[in-house]
Amino acid sequence: VAQLFIITPDALTGITDVSAAGNATYAALQQYPVGGLVYFENNLQSYEQISEMLHNVQQYSMEISGLPLFLAVDEEGGTVARISGQGYGIEPIEDMAAVGASGDYERAQEIGTYIGSYLSDLGFNVDFAPCADVLTNPTNTVVAHRSFGSDAALVAEMTDLQRKAMEQEGIIGALKHFPGHGDTDVDSHKALPVLPFTRERLDSVELYPFKEAIRAGVSGMMVGHLQVPVIEPIGDLPSSLSRNVVYGLLTEELAFKGLIFTDALAMKGVAGNKSVCLQALQAGNDLVLAPRRLKEEMDAVLEAVEKGELPEEEINAKCRKVLT
């Protein structure tokens, strides 16, 4: 069960200053041998500090369980960049909107190589990028300049080139935000956006880049906190917790065999739900990302397995996928 959790270092140890958390990190990983850690700005101080921290935590995990960790970050370039342009000696990268508008496919690929190379050099192995959302709503503030644009075919091609380039540098790229956050005017960090469209519309716009990526062999997918009534009739149930969306649509219908990550589970679009990690795993996600209360959430999953509410075979299958 622990292998299905990717959490922040702060949630693992309860210590916000990562430079002072070495021994606490080792002890916490012994108690909770999680599948991975995700890093945000508050955990990062310099190129050397990041590199040393990631090396140390990977070494701790190998000593404790013999299993490596997913070490993840949101590094899209532009406005969502935890490392580039932050004073760590990595040049800032333009917004993907500018790349899309230029029509320069080679540039999309170059950025993937660049991001992949420095993330890999630092010790990361997962990037929650690129953004495969098709931006069709001009009032969309959360996706905005992070999208390659409003042309679904261009978005599909550029995300695929960038993702493949990152993978060649040793970084798993997880496309986001399935089933598509491009035509929303609500920020899922603050509330639950709704996609009130027909299935035909979703297939031709929102889902198009994700379907193309699956055909091209993408390894990772991040499911967003979005409500899609045509697929999930239960109101206020986000896609990330919907078995109709995660298992029914993504796994069964679209035949995605890679890793399925939730978006961060502390976000307002989903955080009000009780035992949110259990719900996410029951919905068909493989990895639950950044929940608020690690012990409570893990205990709820273990209890559900004991009660038969979440089959042990499902946990084993997810864990096998993570380890593979």
Protein backbone atom coordinates (compact mmCIF):
# COMPACT_ATOMS: atom_id res chain seq x y z
CA VAL A 1 0.00 0.00 0.00
CA ALA A 2 2.81 2.43 0.87
CA GLN A 3 4.26 2.00 -2.63
CA LEU A 4 1.10 3.60 -4.07
CA PHE A 5 1.71 6.91 -2.25
CA ILE A 6 3.74 9.84 -3.60
CA ILE A 7 3.95 12.49 -0.91
CA THR A 8 5.77 15.71 -0.07
CA PRO A 9 8.87 15.47 2.14
CA ASP A 10 7.02 17.67 4.65
CA ALA A 11 4.15 15.16 4.86
CA LEU A 12 6.61 12.30 5.29
CA THR A 13 8.58 13.80 8.18
CA GLY A 14 6.46 16.66 9.52
CA ILE A 15 9.54 18.89 9.08
CA THR A 16 9.34 21.81 6.66
CA ASP A 17 13.09 22.54 6.57
CA VAL A 18 14.35 19.71 4.34
CA SER A 19 18.01 20.53 5.06
CA ALA A 20 17.43 19.52 8.70
CA ALA A 21 15.37 16.41 7.95
CA GLY A 22 18.00 13.76 7.11
CA ASN A 23 17.62 11.44 10.12
CA ALA A 24 13.88 12.06 10.29
CA THR A 25 13.56 11.15 6.60
CA TYR A 26 15.39 7.86 7.13
CA ALA A 27 13.20 6.97 10.12
CA ALA A 28 10.00 7.97 8.31
CA LEU A 29 10.87 5.86 5.26
CA GLN A 30 11.37 2.87 7.57
CA GLN A 31 7.85 3.38 8.91
CA TYR A 32 6.26 4.39 5.59
CA PRO A 33 8.16 2.92 2.62
CA VAL A 34 6.33 5.12 0.13
CA GLY A 35 6.57 4.83 -3.64
CA GLY A 36 7.85 8.34 -4.13
CA LEU A 37 8.28 11.95 -3.11
CA VAL A 38 7.16 15.11 -4.89
CA TYR A 39 9.05 18.36 -4.41
CA PHE A 40 7.79 21.95 -4.42
CA GLU A 41 9.55 25.33 -4.19
CA ASN A 42 9.71 25.27 -0.39
CA ASN A 43 11.83 22.08 -0.54
CA LEU A 44 14.37 23.48 -3.01
CA GLN A 45 17.23 25.85 -2.16
CA SER A 46 20.10 25.45 -4.64
CA TYR A 47 21.26 23.12 -7.41
CA GLU A 48 23.73 21.43 -5.05
CA GLN A 49 21.17 21.08 -2.24
CA ILE A 50 18.57 19.53 -4.58
CA SER A 51 21.10 17.08 -6.03
CA GLU A 52 22.40 16.05 -2.59
CA MET A 53 18.88 15.74 -1.12
CA LEU A 54 17.63 13.51 -3.96
CA HIS A 55 20.76 11.38 -3.88
CA ASN A 56 20.47 10.92 -0.10
CA VAL A 57 16.77 10.04 -0.07
CA GLN A 58 17.23 7.56 -2.93
CA GLN A 59 20.09 5.97 -1.00
CA TYR A 60 17.97 5.78 2.19
CA SER A 61 15.19 3.98 0.33
CA MET A 62 17.58 1.48 -1.24
CA GLU A 63 19.12 0.73 2.17
CA ILE A 64 15.74 0.35 3.88
CA SER A 65 13.68 -1.58 1.34
CA GLY A 66 15.95 -2.20 -1.65
CA LEU A 67 13.41 -0.26 -3.73
CA PRO A 68 14.11 3.01 -5.55
CA LEU A 69 11.73 5.95 -5.22
CA PHE A 70 9.86 7.97 -7.79
CA LEU A 71 11.27 11.48 -7.29
CA ALA A 72 8.83 13.85 -8.92
CA VAL A 73 8.39 17.53 -9.69
CA ASP A 74 6.13 19.86 -11.72
CA GLU A 75 8.51 21.25 -14.32
CA GLU A 76 6.60 22.42 -17.38
CA GLY A 77 8.59 25.56 -18.20
CA GLY A 78 6.97 28.99 -18.31
CA THR A 79 4.86 29.81 -15.26
CA VAL A 80 5.01 26.30 -13.76
CA ALA A 81 8.72 25.75 -13.17
CA ARG A 82 10.08 24.69 -9.79
CA ILE A 83 13.69 24.77 -11.02
CA SER A 84 14.23 26.71 -14.26
CA GLY A 85 14.40 30.47 -13.75
CA GLN A 86 14.54 30.08 -9.95
CA GLY A 87 18.20 31.06 -9.54
CA TYR A 88 19.63 27.54 -9.60
CA GLY A 89 21.66 28.16 -12.75
CA ILE A 90 18.96 26.80 -15.08
CA GLU A 91 17.78 29.28 -17.69
CA PRO A 92 14.05 30.14 -17.71
CA ILE A 93 11.94 28.45 -20.40
CA GLU A 94 9.19 30.23 -22.31
CA ASP A 95 5.50 29.35 -21.85
CA MET A 96 4.23 26.47 -23.95
CA ALA A 97 1.60 28.87 -25.37
CA ALA A 98 4.44 30.73 -27.09
CA VAL A 99 5.88 27.47 -28.46
CA GLY A 100 2.46 26.41 -29.76
CA ALA A 101 1.81 29.82 -31.34
CA SER A 102 5.18 29.66 -33.12
CA GLY A 103 4.32 26.29 -34.71
CA ASP A 104 7.91 25.24 -34.00
CA TYR A 105 7.69 21.49 -33.34
CA GLU A 106 11.46 21.23 -33.05
CA ARG A 107 11.40 23.73 -30.18
CA ALA A 108 8.83 21.62 -28.29
CA GLN A 109 11.20 18.68 -28.60
CA GLU A 110 14.26 20.73 -27.60
CA ILE A 111 12.50 21.87 -24.41
CA GLY A 112 11.73 18.23 -23.56
CA THR A 113 15.40 17.33 -23.97
CA TYR A 114 16.51 20.35 -21.93
CA ILE A 115 14.08 19.75 -19.05
CA GLY A 116 14.79 16.02 -19.10
CA SER A 117 18.55 16.52 -18.99
CA TYR A 118 18.72 18.80 -15.95
CA LEU A 119 15.99 16.93 -14.04
CA SER A 120 17.84 13.67 -14.65
CA ASP A 121 21.15 15.25 -13.66
CA LEU A 122 19.62 16.43 -10.37
CA GLY A 123 18.20 12.96 -9.60
CA PHE A 124 14.52 13.32 -10.52
CA ASN A 125 12.85 10.57 -12.55
CA VAL A 126 9.24 11.77 -12.92
CA ASP A 127 7.96 15.07 -14.31
CA PHE A 128 4.27 15.95 -14.09
CA ALA A 129 4.37 17.41 -17.59
CA PRO A 130 3.71 18.18 -20.37
CA CYS A 131 0.29 19.78 -20.20
CA ALA A 132 -1.92 18.11 -22.84
CA ASP A 133 -4.92 20.36 -22.19
CA VAL A 134 -6.47 22.00 -25.27
CA LEU A 135 -7.07 25.65 -24.38
CA THR A 136 -10.45 26.60 -25.84
CA ASN A 137 -11.68 28.91 -23.09
CA PRO A 138 -10.02 32.36 -23.02
CA THR A 139 -11.11 32.90 -19.39
CA ASN A 140 -9.23 29.77 -18.25
CA THR A 141 -6.69 31.10 -15.75
CA VAL A 142 -5.32 27.81 -14.40
CA VAL A 143 -4.22 26.33 -17.73
CA ALA A 144 -3.77 29.60 -19.66
CA HIS A 145 -0.20 29.85 -21.00
CA ARG A 146 0.65 26.29 -19.94
CA SER A 147 -1.17 24.82 -22.95
CA PHE A 148 0.31 24.58 -26.44
CA GLY A 149 -2.94 26.08 -27.72
CA SER A 150 -6.47 25.53 -29.00
CA ASP A 151 -5.68 23.14 -31.88
CA ALA A 152 -6.06 19.60 -30.56
CA ALA A 153 -3.82 18.06 -33.25
CA LEU A 154 -1.01 20.55 -32.58
CA VAL A 155 -1.29 20.00 -28.81
CA ALA A 156 -1.16 16.23 -29.34
CA GLU A 157 1.94 16.41 -31.57
CA MET A 158 3.87 18.87 -29.39
CA THR A 159 3.14 17.09 -26.11
CA ASP A 160 4.20 13.80 -27.68
CA LEU A 161 7.49 15.20 -29.01
CA GLN A 162 8.26 16.80 -25.67
CA ARG A 163 7.34 13.74 -23.62
CA LYS A 164 9.43 11.40 -25.79
CA ALA A 165 12.42 13.75 -25.54
CA MET A 166 12.12 13.77 -21.74
CA GLU A 167 11.92 9.98 -21.66
CA GLN A 168 15.13 9.72 -23.70
CA GLU A 169 16.80 11.61 -20.83
CA GLY A 170 15.45 9.12 -18.28
CA ILE A 171 12.39 11.07 -17.09
CA ILE A 172 8.85 9.64 -17.04
CA GLY A 173 6.54 12.34 -18.36
CA ALA A 174 3.00 12.22 -16.95
CA LEU A 175 0.53 14.00 -19.25
CA LYS A 176 -2.05 16.16 -17.56
CA HIS A 177 -4.86 16.89 -16.76
CA PHE A 178 -6.93 13.92 -18.04
CA PRO A 179 -9.69 14.09 -19.33
CA GLY A 180 -8.85 17.74 -20.20
CA HIS A 181 -8.73 21.01 -18.25
CA GLY A 182 -8.62 23.37 -21.26
CA ASP A 183 -12.22 24.59 -21.37
CA THR A 184 -12.84 25.46 -17.73
CA ASP A 185 -13.12 28.80 -15.96
CA VAL A 186 -12.61 27.40 -12.44
CA ASP A 187 -9.23 26.59 -10.89
CA SER A 188 -9.29 23.03 -9.50
CA HIS A 189 -6.85 24.18 -6.77
CA LYS A 190 -9.81 26.21 -5.43
CA ALA A 191 -13.03 24.46 -6.53
CA LEU A 192 -14.34 21.71 -8.83
CA PRO A 193 -14.53 22.68 -12.52
CA VAL A 194 -17.24 21.10 -14.71
CA LEU A 195 -16.92 19.96 -18.35
CA PRO A 196 -20.56 20.07 -19.51
CA PHE A 197 -19.89 18.63 -22.99
CA THR A 198 -21.20 15.81 -25.15
CA ARG A 199 -19.07 12.72 -25.63
CA GLU A 200 -18.55 13.68 -29.30
CA ARG A 201 -17.10 17.03 -28.27
CA LEU A 202 -14.83 15.43 -25.63
CA ASP A 203 -13.53 12.90 -28.16
CA SER A 204 -12.69 15.52 -30.77
CA VAL A 205 -11.13 18.13 -28.44
CA GLU A 206 -10.35 17.37 -24.78
CA LEU A 207 -9.57 13.66 -25.11
CA TYR A 208 -7.81 13.86 -28.46
CA PRO A 209 -4.21 14.53 -27.25
CA PHE A 210 -4.54 11.89 -24.52
CA LYS A 211 -5.81 9.25 -26.97
CA GLU A 212 -2.96 10.03 -29.37
CA ALA A 213 -0.45 9.81 -26.50
CA ILE A 214 -1.77 6.38 -25.49
CA ARG A 215 -1.41 5.20 -29.09
CA ALA A 216 2.18 6.50 -29.03
CA GLY A 217 3.00 4.56 -25.84
CA VAL A 218 2.94 7.23 -23.11
CA SER A 219 4.10 5.89 -19.71
CA GLY A 220 2.27 8.21 -17.29
CA MET A 221 -1.05 10.01 -17.03
CA MET A 222 -2.29 12.45 -14.40
CA VAL A 223 -6.04 12.58 -13.75
CA GLY A 224 -7.42 16.02 -12.93
CA HIS A 225 -10.03 17.13 -10.42
CA LEU A 226 -12.75 17.84 -13.00
CA GLN A 227 -16.41 16.89 -13.11
CA VAL A 228 -17.55 15.36 -16.41
CA PRO A 229 -21.33 14.69 -16.23
CA VAL A 230 -21.55 12.77 -19.53
CA ILE A 231 -19.14 10.14 -18.13
CA GLU A 232 -19.72 10.49 -14.37
CA PRO A 233 -23.36 11.33 -13.54
CA ILE A 234 -22.74 11.73 -9.78
CA GLY A 235 -22.58 15.49 -9.21
CA ASP A 236 -19.51 16.88 -7.41
CA LEU A 237 -17.54 13.66 -7.97
CA PRO A 238 -14.21 14.64 -9.55
CA SER A 239 -12.72 12.55 -12.36
CA SER A 240 -9.81 11.65 -10.07
CA LEU A 241 -12.23 9.76 -7.79
CA SER A 242 -14.56 8.46 -10.52
CA ARG A 243 -14.30 4.78 -11.46
CA ASN A 244 -16.25 5.60 -14.64
CA VAL A 245 -13.49 8.01 -15.71
CA VAL A 246 -10.31 6.34 -14.41
CA TYR A 247 -11.11 2.67 -14.85
CA GLY A 248 -14.02 2.78 -17.30
CA LEU A 249 -12.72 5.39 -19.73
CA LEU A 250 -8.93 5.53 -19.30
CA THR A 251 -8.08 1.91 -18.51
CA GLU A 252 -10.83 -0.09 -20.20
CA GLU A 253 -12.00 1.95 -23.18
CA LEU A 254 -8.78 3.78 -24.08
CA ALA A 255 -6.66 0.75 -23.05
CA PHE A 256 -4.05 2.78 -21.16
CA LYS A 257 -1.57 0.40 -19.55
CA GLY A 258 0.84 2.93 -17.99
CA LEU A 259 0.94 4.57 -14.56
CA ILE A 260 -2.11 6.56 -13.50
CA PHE A 261 -1.38 9.38 -11.03
CA THR A 262 -4.00 11.52 -9.34
CA ASP A 263 -3.49 15.27 -9.31
CA ALA A 264 -2.51 16.55 -5.85
CA LEU A 265 -5.09 15.37 -3.33
CA ALA A 266 -4.73 18.41 -1.08
CA MET A 267 -6.35 20.61 -3.77
CA LYS A 268 -9.76 22.14 -2.97
CA GLY A 269 -11.38 20.43 -5.97
CA VAL A 270 -11.06 17.12 -4.14
CA ALA A 271 -9.77 17.65 -0.56
CA GLY A 272 -13.24 17.74 1.05
CA ASN A 273 -13.74 14.06 0.27
CA LYS A 274 -13.23 11.62 3.17
CA SER A 275 -10.56 8.90 2.77
CA VAL A 276 -9.65 10.50 -0.52
CA CYS A 277 -6.73 8.13 -1.22
CA LEU A 278 -8.94 5.08 -0.74
CA GLN A 279 -11.52 6.53 -3.13
CA ALA A 280 -8.79 7.31 -5.66
CA LEU A 281 -7.41 3.76 -5.57
CA GLN A 282 -10.92 2.28 -5.80
CA ALA A 283 -11.50 4.49 -8.85
CA GLY A 284 -8.54 2.84 -10.60
CA ASN A 285 -5.60 5.21 -10.01
CA ASP A 286 -2.23 3.55 -9.38
CA LEU A 287 -0.55 6.35 -7.43
CA VAL A 288 -2.09 8.88 -5.05
CA LEU A 289 -0.32 12.21 -5.04
CA ALA A 290 0.35 14.55 -2.12
CA PRO A 291 -2.51 13.79 0.29
CA ARG A 292 -2.63 15.90 3.45
CA ARG A 293 -2.58 13.25 6.19
CA LEU A 294 -0.37 10.29 5.30
CA LYS A 295 -1.01 8.03 8.30
CA GLU A 296 -4.80 8.47 8.30
CA GLU A 297 -5.04 7.96 4.55
CA MET A 298 -2.82 4.87 4.56
CA ASP A 299 -4.70 3.37 7.52
CA ALA A 300 -8.02 3.88 5.70
CA VAL A 301 -6.67 1.97 2.66
CA LEU A 302 -5.34 -0.88 4.82
CA GLU A 303 -8.64 -1.12 6.67
CA ALA A 304 -10.56 -1.26 3.37
CA VAL A 305 -8.32 -4.11 2.17
CA GLU A 306 -8.91 -6.01 5.42
CA LYS A 307 -12.68 -5.52 5.07
CA GLY A 308 -12.64 -6.63 1.45
CA GLU A 309 -13.78 -3.21 0.18
CA LEU A 310 -10.61 -2.95 -1.91
CA PRO A 311 -9.39 -6.32 -3.23
CA GLU A 312 -5.86 -7.26 -2.27
CA GLU A 313 -5.29 -8.41 -5.88
CA GLU A 314 -5.89 -4.82 -7.03
CA ILE A 315 -3.29 -3.48 -4.58
CA ASN A 316 -0.84 -6.14 -5.76
CA ALA A 317 -1.47 -5.34 -9.42
CA LYS A 318 -0.92 -1.60 -8.82
CA CYS A 319 2.20 -2.26 -6.75
CA ARG A 320 3.59 -4.58 -9.43
CA LYS A 321 3.05 -1.84 -12.01
CA VAL A 322 4.81 0.74 -9.79
CA LEU A 323 7.78 -1.58 -9.19
CA THR A 324 8.03 -2.46 -12.88
